[in-house]
Amino acid sequence: MINLALVTGAARGIGLATTQLFLEMGWQVVMVDRDSDELEAVAGELKGVHPILCDVGSAENVAVMAEEVGRIAQYGLNALVNNAGVAEFMPIGETDFATWDRVMQVNLDGVFLMSQALTPLLAKARGSIVNISSISGLRASTLRVAYGTSKAAVNALTRQQAVELGELGIRANAVAPGPVRTKLAMAVHSEEIIAAYHDAIPLNRYGSEREIAEAVCFLASDRASYITGQVLAADGGFEATGIGLPALRKK
């Protein structure tokens, strides 16, 4: 029997890297994304995937998607990776409610809706949930009032899922990536910002999408069969540094 994973935000970045790693592990993957063109293009190059167009922040979209997944997942769903997310970085005073609501709708509501809709299939396979959080959900930073708050809420939701769904044999964990070398990050991070991150991270570099995928697939697999309710920071030690000054460590 082949394991089946569902990955949201699967058309690019960490979601695509996670999809590719699952395929290397011999799993099949339901790729969920709201970008129809990108999803179609990427899925067309992969074998063992089932692309589904869905906006995870829409309860109506998720209900339709769950019915379609039910027809695919004959033996249940072994893993749900809630990766889809949006980021809006601006000061508290400039964050209007529409921006706040948009971030919460995808980053938090999407995790709730997807997990709730797919719980019966996860229970059938005694599968696991892996939510993609962020280091911004573990430590506050400037310009991240909506994004950071949404990810902190995802951490709390993950623990709630672990407590309540454990009785069904479902594990729930989160991965909190630190700075990751994505195309988007490299496009918007100046040399000054990149250097500052390198100074603040003990491993002195950004992570890769593949490194985050490795953490996700580990938690989703039977190798993590007794791990639930945890938030794993895959961040090169960034969170461990607290508010210490990088310049002092050099001495």
Protein backbone atom coordinates (compact mmCIF):
# COMPACT_ATOMS: atom_id res chain seq x y z
CA MET A 1 0.00 0.00 0.00
CA ILE A 2 1.41 3.39 -1.03
CA ASN A 3 1.34 6.22 1.48
CA LEU A 4 -0.52 9.37 0.50
CA ALA A 5 0.32 12.92 1.59
CA LEU A 6 -1.49 16.16 0.93
CA VAL A 7 0.59 19.34 0.72
CA THR A 8 -0.93 22.82 0.50
CA GLY A 9 0.90 25.64 -1.22
CA ALA A 10 2.55 22.85 -3.18
CA ALA A 11 3.33 24.66 -6.41
CA ARG A 12 6.48 26.42 -5.22
CA GLY A 13 8.98 26.90 -2.41
CA ILE A 14 8.86 24.71 0.68
CA GLY A 15 5.62 23.07 -0.50
CA LEU A 16 7.18 21.95 -3.77
CA ALA A 17 10.38 20.78 -2.06
CA THR A 18 8.28 18.75 0.39
CA THR A 19 6.25 17.25 -2.45
CA GLN A 20 9.43 16.22 -4.26
CA LEU A 21 10.88 14.60 -1.13
CA PHE A 22 7.68 12.64 -0.46
CA LEU A 23 7.85 11.36 -4.04
CA GLU A 24 11.47 10.30 -3.50
CA MET A 25 10.27 8.38 -0.44
CA GLY A 26 7.82 6.46 -2.62
CA TRP A 27 4.69 8.32 -1.48
CA GLN A 28 1.98 9.78 -3.68
CA VAL A 29 1.07 13.44 -3.14
CA VAL A 30 -2.09 15.48 -3.49
CA MET A 31 -0.78 18.91 -4.51
CA VAL A 32 -3.10 21.72 -3.41
CA ASP A 33 -2.60 25.31 -4.51
CA ARG A 34 -4.70 28.29 -5.56
CA ASP A 35 -2.38 29.29 -8.45
CA SER A 36 -3.86 27.23 -11.28
CA ASP A 37 -1.19 28.03 -13.89
CA GLU A 38 1.77 27.27 -11.62
CA LEU A 39 0.12 24.15 -10.20
CA GLU A 40 -0.63 22.76 -13.64
CA ALA A 41 2.88 23.48 -14.91
CA VAL A 42 4.67 21.93 -11.93
CA ALA A 43 2.38 18.90 -11.53
CA GLY A 44 2.77 18.11 -15.22
CA GLU A 45 6.46 17.44 -14.65
CA LEU A 46 5.96 15.04 -11.72
CA LYS A 47 4.76 11.45 -11.48
CA GLY A 48 2.56 10.24 -8.62
CA VAL A 49 0.83 13.54 -7.92
CA HIS A 50 -2.82 14.60 -7.89
CA PRO A 51 -3.17 18.39 -8.37
CA ILE A 52 -6.23 20.09 -6.89
CA LEU A 53 -7.02 23.77 -7.16
CA CYS A 54 -8.17 25.17 -3.82
CA ASP A 55 -8.04 28.34 -1.73
CA VAL A 56 -7.47 26.94 1.76
CA GLY A 57 -8.87 30.08 3.38
CA SER A 58 -12.31 29.42 1.85
CA ALA A 59 -14.57 27.02 3.73
CA GLU A 60 -16.50 26.34 0.52
CA ASN A 61 -13.32 25.55 -1.46
CA VAL A 62 -12.03 23.26 1.27
CA ALA A 63 -15.31 21.30 1.43
CA VAL A 64 -15.20 20.62 -2.31
CA MET A 65 -11.51 19.71 -2.11
CA ALA A 66 -12.13 17.25 0.74
CA GLU A 67 -14.71 15.39 -1.31
CA GLU A 68 -12.25 15.05 -4.17
CA VAL A 69 -9.49 13.84 -1.86
CA GLY A 70 -11.90 11.28 -0.43
CA ARG A 71 -12.19 9.71 -3.88
CA ILE A 72 -8.39 9.53 -4.15
CA ALA A 73 -7.56 8.41 -0.61
CA GLN A 74 -9.08 4.95 -0.67
CA TYR A 75 -7.11 3.85 2.39
CA GLY A 76 -7.06 7.21 4.12
CA LEU A 77 -4.56 10.05 4.27
CA ASN A 78 -1.15 9.40 5.83
CA ALA A 79 -0.02 13.01 6.12
CA LEU A 80 -1.42 16.51 5.82
CA VAL A 81 1.14 19.30 5.41
CA ASN A 82 -0.44 22.71 5.95
CA ASN A 83 2.14 24.82 4.16
CA ALA A 84 0.09 27.46 2.31
CA GLY A 85 0.69 30.93 3.70
CA VAL A 86 0.96 34.62 2.94
CA ALA A 87 3.22 37.28 4.44
CA GLU A 88 2.54 40.98 4.84
CA PHE A 89 5.28 42.99 6.57
CA MET A 90 4.38 46.46 7.82
CA PRO A 91 4.27 48.47 11.07
CA ILE A 92 1.37 47.94 13.47
CA GLY A 93 0.05 51.42 12.83
CA GLU A 94 -0.06 50.84 9.07
CA THR A 95 -1.64 47.37 9.18
CA ASP A 96 -5.26 47.83 8.23
CA PHE A 97 -7.85 45.22 9.13
CA ALA A 98 -8.15 43.98 5.55
CA THR A 99 -4.46 43.07 5.60
CA TRP A 100 -4.74 41.46 9.04
CA ASP A 101 -7.80 39.48 7.95
CA ARG A 102 -6.15 38.28 4.71
CA VAL A 103 -3.12 36.95 6.58
CA MET A 104 -5.24 35.22 9.24
CA GLN A 105 -7.58 33.74 6.64
CA VAL A 106 -4.81 31.83 4.88
CA ASN A 107 -2.24 31.24 7.62
CA LEU A 108 -4.60 30.31 10.47
CA ASP A 109 -8.09 29.69 9.11
CA GLY A 110 -6.61 27.57 6.33
CA VAL A 111 -4.85 25.28 8.79
CA PHE A 112 -8.04 24.91 10.84
CA LEU A 113 -10.29 24.27 7.83
CA MET A 114 -7.98 21.79 6.11
CA SER A 115 -7.27 19.82 9.27
CA GLN A 116 -10.92 19.66 10.27
CA ALA A 117 -12.11 18.61 6.81
CA LEU A 118 -9.49 15.87 6.46
CA THR A 119 -9.59 14.48 10.01
CA PRO A 120 -11.76 11.46 9.00
CA LEU A 121 -9.26 10.46 6.31
CA LEU A 122 -6.30 11.03 8.63
CA ALA A 123 -7.96 8.92 11.32
CA LYS A 124 -8.56 6.14 8.82
CA ALA A 125 -4.82 5.88 8.15
CA ARG A 126 -3.73 6.97 11.66
CA GLY A 127 -1.84 9.71 9.85
CA SER A 128 -0.20 12.92 10.93
CA ILE A 129 -0.51 16.68 10.54
CA VAL A 130 2.51 18.89 10.01
CA ASN A 131 1.79 22.60 10.12
CA ILE A 132 4.31 25.06 8.72
CA SER A 133 4.76 27.77 11.31
CA SER A 134 7.66 30.24 11.39
CA ILE A 135 10.40 31.46 13.65
CA SER A 136 8.27 34.63 13.70
CA GLY A 137 5.73 32.65 15.73
CA LEU A 138 8.36 31.95 18.39
CA ARG A 139 10.13 35.30 18.62
CA ALA A 140 8.75 38.73 17.88
CA SER A 141 10.26 40.96 15.22
CA THR A 142 9.48 44.27 13.60
CA LEU A 143 6.88 44.59 10.85
CA ARG A 144 5.35 41.16 11.57
CA VAL A 145 2.29 41.94 13.66
CA ALA A 146 -0.11 39.99 11.43
CA TYR A 147 2.29 37.33 10.14
CA GLY A 148 3.97 36.62 13.48
CA THR A 149 0.68 36.53 15.36
CA SER A 150 -0.82 34.13 12.82
CA LYS A 151 2.13 31.78 13.18
CA ALA A 152 2.07 31.92 16.98
CA ALA A 153 -1.59 30.93 16.73
CA VAL A 154 -0.64 28.04 14.45
CA ASN A 155 1.71 26.78 17.18
CA ALA A 156 -1.14 26.85 19.71
CA LEU A 157 -3.50 25.19 17.23
CA THR A 158 -0.93 22.45 16.62
CA ARG A 159 -0.82 21.58 20.31
CA GLN A 160 -4.61 21.64 20.48
CA GLN A 161 -4.77 19.24 17.53
CA ALA A 162 -2.25 16.93 19.19
CA VAL A 163 -4.27 16.78 22.40
CA GLU A 164 -7.68 16.27 20.82
CA LEU A 165 -6.81 14.17 17.78
CA GLY A 166 -4.37 11.87 19.54
CA GLU A 167 -7.32 9.73 20.60
CA LEU A 168 -7.91 9.05 16.90
CA GLY A 169 -4.29 8.05 16.38
CA ILE A 170 -3.46 11.33 14.63
CA ARG A 171 -0.20 13.08 15.48
CA ALA A 172 0.18 16.86 15.03
CA ASN A 173 3.44 18.80 14.96
CA ALA A 174 4.73 22.03 13.46
CA VAL A 175 7.94 23.06 11.76
CA ALA A 176 9.04 26.66 12.34
CA PRO A 177 11.50 27.63 9.60
CA GLY A 178 14.00 30.39 10.15
CA PRO A 179 15.26 32.46 7.21
CA VAL A 180 15.14 30.27 4.10
CA ARG A 181 16.88 30.94 0.79
CA THR A 182 13.78 31.10 -1.39
CA LYS A 183 13.55 33.04 -4.64
CA LEU A 184 11.22 35.52 -2.97
CA ALA A 185 13.50 36.08 0.03
CA MET A 186 16.54 36.61 -2.16
CA ALA A 187 14.59 39.06 -4.30
CA VAL A 188 13.52 41.29 -1.40
CA HIS A 189 16.43 40.90 1.06
CA SER A 190 19.18 43.45 0.57
CA GLU A 191 22.84 42.56 1.07
CA GLU A 192 22.64 44.37 4.40
CA ILE A 193 19.68 42.26 5.54
CA ILE A 194 21.35 39.04 4.38
CA ALA A 195 24.54 39.92 6.27
CA ALA A 196 22.53 40.77 9.41
CA TYR A 197 20.74 37.42 9.31
CA HIS A 198 24.04 35.58 8.84
CA ASP A 199 25.44 37.36 11.90
CA ALA A 200 22.36 36.47 13.99
CA ILE A 201 22.22 32.78 13.01
CA PRO A 202 24.73 30.47 14.73
CA LEU A 203 25.15 28.38 11.56
CA ASN A 204 25.86 31.66 9.73
CA ARG A 205 23.62 31.02 6.72
CA TYR A 206 20.08 30.79 5.44
CA GLY A 207 18.40 27.39 5.32
CA SER A 208 17.32 25.70 2.10
CA GLU A 209 13.85 24.62 1.06
CA ARG A 210 15.11 21.03 1.00
CA GLU A 211 16.31 21.25 4.62
CA ILE A 212 12.85 22.35 5.75
CA ALA A 213 11.28 19.57 3.69
CA GLU A 214 13.52 17.03 5.45
CA ALA A 215 12.15 18.14 8.83
CA VAL A 216 8.57 18.04 7.56
CA CYS A 217 8.84 14.57 6.05
CA PHE A 218 10.52 13.22 9.16
CA LEU A 219 7.66 14.41 11.38
CA ALA A 220 5.12 13.06 8.89
CA SER A 221 6.72 9.63 8.78
CA ASP A 222 6.60 6.62 11.10
CA ARG A 223 10.12 7.52 12.23
CA ALA A 224 8.44 10.16 14.40
CA SER A 225 5.69 7.82 15.61
CA TYR A 226 5.93 8.94 19.27
CA ILE A 227 6.34 12.66 18.59
CA THR A 228 3.28 14.89 18.77
CA GLY A 229 2.40 18.37 19.98
CA GLN A 230 5.86 19.74 19.19
CA VAL A 231 7.08 22.84 17.37
CA LEU A 232 10.42 22.11 15.73
CA ALA A 233 12.47 25.21 14.89
CA ALA A 234 14.45 24.47 11.73
CA ASP A 235 16.35 27.73 11.91
CA GLY A 236 20.10 27.21 12.17
CA GLY A 237 19.91 28.09 15.87
CA PHE A 238 18.30 31.50 15.27
CA GLU A 239 15.69 31.16 18.02
CA ALA A 240 18.28 29.94 20.53
CA THR A 241 20.22 33.20 20.28
CA GLY A 242 17.45 35.21 21.95
CA ILE A 243 18.26 38.91 21.93
CA GLY A 244 22.02 38.52 22.32
CA LEU A 245 24.11 40.86 20.21
CA PRO A 246 25.90 39.05 17.36
CA ALA A 247 28.90 41.38 17.74
CA LEU A 248 29.51 40.09 21.29
CA ARG A 249 29.65 36.46 20.10
CA LYS A 250 32.49 37.33 17.73
CA LYS A 251 34.66 38.18 20.72
